[in-house]
Amino acid sequence: MTEKKRDLQLDVIRTLAIFLVITVHFFDSSGFPGETLGGAVDWGMLCLWLLSHTCVPLFLMLSGWLCGQKRLSRRYYFGLVRILGLYLLCSLACLLFRAFYLREEITLRYIFGSLVNFYACGYAWYVMLYFGLFLMIPFLNLIWAGLPDQKSRRVLVATAFALSILPSFLNQYLQLYSIWWTRLYPLCYYFTGLYLREYWPRERGRRMVLPLLLVTALFALFDLVHYRAKAQGMIAVAYENYQVYLVSVLLFVCLLAVPTPGKAAGRFFTWVSRLSYGMYLLSWIPDNVLYPRLIARYPEPAGRYPWMLPCVVCVFLVSLGLSFFVQKLYDPLERALKR
């Protein structure tokens, strides 16, 4: 998008999404949830835990919102250059970190294997996910464009939901539903983003703030009771979960109604938005510096919770700086390729 046509609300969504990614990593690293749950503190942490898991769904719905007009062409496939180019540079940074800070043995075979198998960077699984979605987008758009009306498209979204998200609800207590298609959840979020762009008036998002807060609070209360003695079972509450889907959609439409930021704030959100992909990958580096020290200092998970905001802000800023540096290295390469 050019600066004149740039949609700053989408930059706000992407900035919040990368902040929530880093928050998810705090929960993963801090030991929450533990073996048991109970009390107001755990309920509050569950609310934040659920909200933080909207990060990847927000990115996927943004893809549906932004890429719905993409068509099959050589120009379209040129977009792979940025995805893979930044991935390679971020992975090389992570490999240097592994070699000089973590003191891991790095061989040429390891470098090649880690790059082609997406484990040089600990968070590169998302690159695999988005790479596949990128290849599918022109064909997904053909399906969408081939449907005659809103009703047909609503059925398509409902079908993707039934295959990928609904099993997490129906199988809550008993295996009633096939789980073979749950990994289709990126398509469900993509089609949801497409649907919202075409049929959801942005101003209606203001009325969704209260439902968002109520749904988040009630889901957290349910999880507090349901997982009280088996907190490790919450690992199954992932991006294909019905709670995460509903909270993600409500949060997305609320953010669409956020007032347009002023010039200074708009420049900040645009800057972070452009660097968010690199931040996602490079946040693995400060995570592996900060959280081992936090865990050593506070052996009990409850002692780490008050440090959530300082840790998340610290990792956010360090990741932003690292991504800015990597982007500066990548930009001349991209300009040369475009010429």
Protein backbone atom coordinates (compact mmCIF):
# COMPACT_ATOMS: atom_id res chain seq x y z
CA MET A 1 0.00 0.00 0.00
CA THR A 2 1.20 3.51 -0.74
CA GLU A 3 1.38 5.96 2.18
CA LYS A 4 -1.65 7.87 0.84
CA LYS A 5 -3.78 4.75 0.71
CA ARG A 6 -2.30 3.01 3.74
CA ASP A 7 -4.92 1.70 6.17
CA LEU A 8 -3.57 2.62 9.59
CA GLN A 9 -6.13 0.51 11.44
CA LEU A 10 -4.53 -2.56 9.86
CA ASP A 11 -1.13 -1.37 11.07
CA VAL A 12 -2.58 -1.10 14.58
CA ILE A 13 -3.85 -4.69 14.31
CA ARG A 14 -0.49 -5.98 13.10
CA THR A 15 1.37 -4.09 15.85
CA LEU A 16 -0.91 -5.56 18.51
CA ALA A 17 -0.56 -9.00 16.93
CA ILE A 18 3.24 -8.98 17.20
CA PHE A 19 2.98 -7.70 20.79
CA LEU A 20 0.65 -10.62 21.57
CA VAL A 21 3.07 -13.05 19.90
CA ILE A 22 5.74 -11.96 22.36
CA THR A 23 3.20 -12.25 25.19
CA VAL A 24 2.39 -15.84 24.17
CA HIS A 25 6.09 -16.64 24.38
CA PHE A 26 6.14 -15.26 27.93
CA PHE A 27 3.37 -17.68 28.91
CA ASP A 28 5.17 -20.54 27.18
CA SER A 29 8.42 -19.72 28.98
CA SER A 30 7.05 -18.78 32.40
CA GLY A 31 5.43 -22.15 33.13
CA PHE A 32 1.82 -20.94 32.99
CA PRO A 33 -0.40 -22.81 33.37
CA GLY A 34 1.10 -25.15 35.93
CA GLU A 35 -0.26 -28.38 37.35
CA THR A 36 -3.30 -26.77 38.98
CA LEU A 37 -5.35 -23.59 38.61
CA GLY A 38 -7.40 -21.66 41.12
CA GLY A 39 -8.14 -18.17 42.44
CA ALA A 40 -8.56 -14.69 41.05
CA VAL A 41 -4.93 -14.34 39.98
CA ASP A 42 -5.09 -17.43 37.78
CA TRP A 43 -8.42 -16.24 36.36
CA GLY A 44 -6.84 -12.90 35.40
CA MET A 45 -3.84 -14.69 33.89
CA LEU A 46 -6.20 -16.95 31.93
CA CYS A 47 -7.94 -13.88 30.47
CA LEU A 48 -4.57 -12.53 29.30
CA TRP A 49 -3.49 -16.01 28.16
CA LEU A 50 -6.60 -16.32 25.98
CA LEU A 51 -6.24 -12.82 24.53
CA SER A 52 -2.58 -13.42 23.74
CA HIS A 53 -3.49 -16.51 21.69
CA THR A 54 -5.29 -14.29 19.18
CA CYS A 55 -1.88 -13.28 17.73
CA VAL A 56 -1.60 -15.79 14.88
CA PRO A 57 -5.34 -15.61 14.05
CA LEU A 58 -5.04 -11.81 13.75
CA PHE A 59 -2.20 -12.22 11.25
CA LEU A 60 -4.16 -14.82 9.26
CA MET A 61 -7.33 -12.71 9.15
CA LEU A 62 -5.22 -9.75 8.01
CA SER A 63 -4.00 -11.94 5.15
CA GLY A 64 -7.60 -12.58 4.14
CA TRP A 65 -8.41 -8.88 4.41
CA LEU A 66 -5.40 -7.73 2.39
CA CYS A 67 -4.89 -10.54 -0.13
CA GLY A 68 -8.44 -11.20 -1.30
CA GLN A 69 -7.77 -9.56 -4.68
CA LYS A 70 -4.51 -11.40 -5.42
CA ARG A 71 -4.50 -13.33 -8.67
CA LEU A 72 -2.20 -15.95 -10.14
CA SER A 73 0.71 -14.19 -11.86
CA ARG A 74 4.50 -14.09 -11.96
CA ARG A 75 4.37 -10.79 -10.10
CA TYR A 76 2.44 -12.44 -7.29
CA TYR A 77 5.07 -15.13 -6.83
CA PHE A 78 7.76 -12.47 -6.53
CA GLY A 79 6.32 -11.93 -3.03
CA LEU A 80 8.04 -15.16 -2.03
CA VAL A 81 11.38 -13.38 -2.33
CA ARG A 82 10.66 -11.19 0.69
CA ILE A 83 9.27 -14.06 2.77
CA LEU A 84 12.25 -16.31 2.11
CA GLY A 85 14.87 -13.56 1.99
CA LEU A 86 14.02 -12.20 5.42
CA TYR A 87 13.65 -15.73 6.74
CA LEU A 88 17.20 -16.57 5.63
CA LEU A 89 18.70 -13.42 7.17
CA CYS A 90 16.82 -13.90 10.45
CA SER A 91 17.83 -17.56 10.53
CA LEU A 92 21.48 -16.67 10.00
CA ALA A 93 21.23 -14.25 12.93
CA CYS A 94 19.78 -17.06 15.05
CA LEU A 95 22.53 -19.43 13.94
CA LEU A 96 25.17 -16.90 15.01
CA PHE A 97 23.39 -16.59 18.35
CA ARG A 98 23.38 -20.38 18.72
CA ALA A 99 27.10 -20.56 17.95
CA PHE A 100 28.45 -17.64 20.01
CA TYR A 101 25.96 -17.32 22.90
CA LEU A 102 24.44 -20.77 23.37
CA ARG A 103 27.74 -22.42 22.43
CA GLU A 104 26.08 -24.98 20.19
CA GLU A 105 28.14 -26.89 17.66
CA ILE A 106 27.24 -25.51 14.25
CA THR A 107 28.40 -27.45 11.18
CA LEU A 108 27.72 -26.84 7.50
CA ARG A 109 25.38 -29.83 7.49
CA TYR A 110 23.50 -28.41 10.48
CA ILE A 111 23.23 -24.98 8.82
CA PHE A 112 21.82 -26.43 5.60
CA GLY A 113 19.45 -28.82 7.39
CA SER A 114 18.20 -26.17 9.80
CA LEU A 115 17.49 -23.70 7.00
CA VAL A 116 15.59 -26.07 4.70
CA ASN A 117 13.74 -27.71 7.60
CA PHE A 118 12.88 -24.43 9.38
CA TYR A 119 14.48 -25.00 12.77
CA ALA A 120 17.45 -22.61 12.67
CA CYS A 121 15.05 -20.14 14.31
CA GLY A 122 12.86 -21.59 17.03
CA TYR A 123 9.76 -19.74 15.80
CA ALA A 124 10.10 -20.52 12.08
CA TRP A 125 7.14 -22.92 12.10
CA TYR A 126 5.00 -19.91 11.14
CA VAL A 127 7.08 -19.46 7.97
CA MET A 128 6.14 -23.00 6.94
CA LEU A 129 2.48 -22.23 7.65
CA TYR A 130 2.44 -18.94 5.79
CA PHE A 131 4.53 -20.25 2.90
CA GLY A 132 1.82 -22.85 2.19
CA LEU A 133 -0.96 -20.31 2.62
CA PHE A 134 0.83 -17.92 0.25
CA LEU A 135 0.93 -20.59 -2.45
CA MET A 136 -2.77 -21.32 -1.95
CA ILE A 137 -4.07 -17.72 -1.83
CA PRO A 138 -4.71 -17.22 -5.60
CA PHE A 139 -6.68 -20.47 -5.70
CA LEU A 140 -8.58 -19.68 -2.48
CA ASN A 141 -9.53 -16.35 -4.04
CA LEU A 142 -10.83 -18.13 -7.14
CA ILE A 143 -13.10 -20.24 -4.92
CA TRP A 144 -14.31 -17.09 -3.15
CA ALA A 145 -14.88 -15.14 -6.36
CA GLY A 146 -16.71 -18.08 -7.93
CA LEU A 147 -19.42 -18.07 -5.26
CA PRO A 148 -22.48 -16.09 -6.38
CA ASP A 149 -23.57 -14.26 -3.22
CA GLN A 150 -23.06 -13.52 0.48
CA LYS A 151 -25.06 -16.54 1.56
CA SER A 152 -22.80 -18.93 -0.37
CA ARG A 153 -19.70 -17.31 1.07
CA ARG A 154 -21.13 -17.55 4.57
CA VAL A 155 -21.60 -21.28 3.97
CA LEU A 156 -17.95 -21.54 2.89
CA VAL A 157 -16.77 -19.87 6.11
CA ALA A 158 -19.12 -22.10 8.12
CA THR A 159 -17.78 -25.20 6.36
CA ALA A 160 -14.17 -24.27 7.11
CA PHE A 161 -15.21 -23.58 10.71
CA ALA A 162 -17.01 -26.93 11.01
CA LEU A 163 -13.98 -28.84 9.75
CA SER A 164 -11.23 -27.06 11.65
CA ILE A 165 -12.63 -25.25 14.71
CA LEU A 166 -15.83 -27.03 15.73
CA PRO A 167 -14.12 -30.31 16.78
CA SER A 168 -12.46 -28.49 19.68
CA PHE A 169 -15.95 -27.75 21.06
CA LEU A 170 -17.70 -31.03 20.33
CA ASN A 171 -14.77 -33.10 21.63
CA GLN A 172 -14.49 -31.16 24.89
CA TYR A 173 -15.55 -34.16 26.96
CA LEU A 174 -15.95 -37.02 24.49
CA GLN A 175 -14.51 -37.86 21.07
CA LEU A 176 -17.55 -37.15 18.91
CA TYR A 177 -16.07 -35.54 15.84
CA SER A 178 -13.27 -36.21 13.37
CA ILE A 179 -10.05 -34.29 14.01
CA TRP A 180 -8.51 -35.02 10.60
CA TRP A 181 -9.21 -31.53 9.24
CA THR A 182 -8.35 -29.37 12.26
CA ARG A 183 -5.08 -28.27 10.64
CA LEU A 184 -7.16 -26.39 8.08
CA TYR A 185 -7.61 -23.59 10.63
CA PRO A 186 -5.45 -21.12 8.58
CA LEU A 187 -8.03 -21.39 5.77
CA CYS A 188 -10.86 -20.74 8.21
CA TYR A 189 -9.19 -17.56 9.48
CA TYR A 190 -8.29 -16.51 5.93
CA PHE A 191 -11.88 -16.86 4.69
CA THR A 192 -13.11 -15.11 7.85
CA GLY A 193 -10.87 -12.12 7.05
CA LEU A 194 -12.19 -12.10 3.48
CA TYR A 195 -15.78 -12.19 4.71
CA LEU A 196 -15.26 -9.37 7.21
CA ARG A 197 -13.71 -7.12 4.57
CA GLU A 198 -16.63 -7.54 2.19
CA TYR A 199 -19.59 -7.65 4.56
CA TRP A 200 -18.69 -6.19 7.97
CA PRO A 201 -19.17 -2.41 8.47
CA ARG A 202 -16.21 -1.19 10.52
CA GLU A 203 -18.25 1.09 12.76
CA ARG A 204 -20.14 -1.92 14.15
CA GLY A 205 -16.93 -2.97 15.89
CA ARG A 206 -17.56 -0.38 18.62
CA ARG A 207 -20.53 -2.44 19.77
CA MET A 208 -18.38 -5.56 20.08
CA VAL A 209 -16.13 -4.31 22.89
CA LEU A 210 -18.46 -5.43 25.69
CA PRO A 211 -19.12 -8.87 24.08
CA LEU A 212 -15.35 -9.30 23.70
CA LEU A 213 -14.75 -8.61 27.39
CA LEU A 214 -17.65 -10.81 28.51
CA VAL A 215 -16.71 -13.74 26.28
CA THR A 216 -13.06 -13.58 27.35
CA ALA A 217 -14.01 -13.44 31.03
CA LEU A 218 -16.50 -16.33 30.74
CA PHE A 219 -14.15 -18.55 28.74
CA ALA A 220 -11.40 -17.90 31.31
CA LEU A 221 -13.81 -18.80 34.12
CA PHE A 222 -14.82 -22.01 32.32
CA ASP A 223 -11.16 -22.96 31.80
CA LEU A 224 -10.40 -22.22 35.44
CA VAL A 225 -13.03 -24.75 36.50
CA HIS A 226 -12.55 -27.29 33.72
CA TYR A 227 -8.74 -27.42 33.92
CA ARG A 228 -8.41 -26.80 37.66
CA ALA A 229 -6.69 -30.11 38.44
CA LYS A 230 -5.25 -30.75 34.98
CA ALA A 231 -3.79 -27.43 33.89
CA GLN A 232 -1.37 -29.08 31.48
CA GLY A 233 -4.40 -30.02 29.38
CA MET A 234 -4.65 -26.37 28.34
CA ILE A 235 -1.85 -27.02 25.88
CA ALA A 236 -4.63 -28.34 23.64
CA VAL A 237 -6.27 -24.89 23.62
CA ALA A 238 -4.47 -23.64 20.50
CA TYR A 239 -5.29 -21.61 17.41
CA GLU A 240 -7.84 -24.14 16.16
CA ASN A 241 -9.80 -23.89 19.43
CA TYR A 242 -13.32 -22.44 19.41
CA GLN A 243 -12.50 -20.06 22.28
CA VAL A 244 -9.48 -18.64 20.46
CA TYR A 245 -11.47 -18.30 17.22
CA LEU A 246 -14.37 -16.40 18.78
CA VAL A 247 -12.17 -14.07 20.85
CA SER A 248 -9.93 -13.46 17.80
CA VAL A 249 -12.82 -12.48 15.55
CA LEU A 250 -14.32 -10.18 18.20
CA LEU A 251 -10.94 -8.54 18.85
CA PHE A 252 -10.33 -8.09 15.10
CA VAL A 253 -13.64 -6.30 14.48
CA CYS A 254 -13.12 -4.14 17.58
CA LEU A 255 -9.72 -3.06 16.30
CA LEU A 256 -11.17 -2.21 12.90
CA ALA A 257 -13.24 0.46 14.65
CA VAL A 258 -10.26 2.05 16.44
CA PRO A 259 -10.00 5.76 15.54
CA THR A 260 -7.33 6.53 12.95
CA PRO A 261 -4.05 7.28 14.77
CA GLY A 262 -2.47 10.73 14.53
CA LYS A 263 0.60 11.36 12.39
CA ALA A 264 3.22 10.49 15.00
CA ALA A 265 1.39 7.40 16.27
CA GLY A 266 0.56 6.41 12.69
CA ARG A 267 4.24 6.49 11.71
CA PHE A 268 5.10 4.31 14.71
CA PHE A 269 2.42 1.72 13.92
CA THR A 270 3.44 1.68 10.25
CA TRP A 271 7.09 1.20 11.21
CA VAL A 272 6.36 -1.68 13.59
CA SER A 273 3.95 -3.20 11.07
CA ARG A 274 6.65 -3.30 8.39
CA LEU A 275 9.14 -4.88 10.78
CA SER A 276 6.70 -7.33 12.41
CA TYR A 277 7.71 -10.38 10.32
CA GLY A 278 11.35 -10.05 11.30
CA MET A 279 10.34 -9.29 14.90
CA TYR A 280 8.38 -12.54 15.01
CA LEU A 281 11.42 -14.59 14.01
CA LEU A 282 14.10 -12.64 15.86
CA SER A 283 12.21 -12.50 19.18
CA TRP A 284 13.58 -16.01 19.70
CA ILE A 285 16.98 -14.43 20.49
CA PRO A 286 15.98 -12.15 23.43
CA ASP A 287 13.60 -14.87 24.68
CA ASN A 288 16.55 -17.22 25.04
CA VAL A 289 18.58 -14.59 26.87
CA LEU A 290 15.87 -13.31 29.22
CA TYR A 291 13.71 -16.26 30.24
CA PRO A 292 16.42 -18.69 31.42
CA ARG A 293 17.57 -15.95 33.81
CA LEU A 294 14.00 -15.23 34.93
CA ILE A 295 13.38 -18.92 35.64
CA ALA A 296 16.67 -19.22 37.55
CA ARG A 297 15.78 -16.16 39.64
CA TYR A 298 12.20 -17.27 40.33
CA PRO A 299 11.94 -21.11 40.48
CA GLU A 300 8.18 -20.96 41.19
CA PRO A 301 6.04 -19.85 38.18
CA ALA A 302 3.91 -17.54 40.35
CA GLY A 303 6.99 -15.45 41.09
CA ARG A 304 7.46 -14.77 37.37
CA TYR A 305 3.97 -13.43 36.68
CA PRO A 306 4.58 -9.85 37.98
CA TRP A 307 7.41 -9.58 35.46
CA MET A 308 5.20 -10.25 32.45
CA LEU A 309 4.85 -6.66 31.22
CA PRO A 310 8.54 -5.68 31.72
CA CYS A 311 9.65 -8.89 29.97
CA VAL A 312 7.26 -8.48 27.05
CA VAL A 313 8.15 -4.82 26.54
CA CYS A 314 11.88 -5.61 26.75
CA VAL A 315 11.64 -8.43 24.18
CA PHE A 316 9.43 -6.25 21.96
CA LEU A 317 11.97 -3.41 21.87
CA VAL A 318 14.99 -5.68 21.36
CA SER A 319 13.18 -7.59 18.59
CA LEU A 320 12.22 -4.29 16.96
CA GLY A 321 15.87 -3.18 16.93
CA LEU A 322 17.10 -6.50 15.56
CA SER A 323 14.43 -6.53 12.87
CA PHE A 324 15.31 -2.95 11.87
CA PHE A 325 18.96 -3.97 11.44
CA VAL A 326 18.08 -7.06 9.38
CA GLN A 327 15.66 -5.05 7.24
CA LYS A 328 18.45 -2.56 6.46
CA LEU A 329 20.56 -5.48 5.22
CA TYR A 330 17.70 -6.87 3.15
CA ASP A 331 16.43 -3.67 1.47
CA PRO A 332 19.35 -3.26 -1.01
CA LEU A 333 18.96 -6.90 -2.05
CA GLU A 334 15.25 -6.43 -2.72
CA ARG A 335 15.83 -3.24 -4.72
CA ALA A 336 18.41 -5.02 -6.86
CA LEU A 337 16.05 -7.91 -7.52
CA LYS A 338 13.20 -5.59 -8.45
CA ARG A 339 15.40 -3.78 -10.97
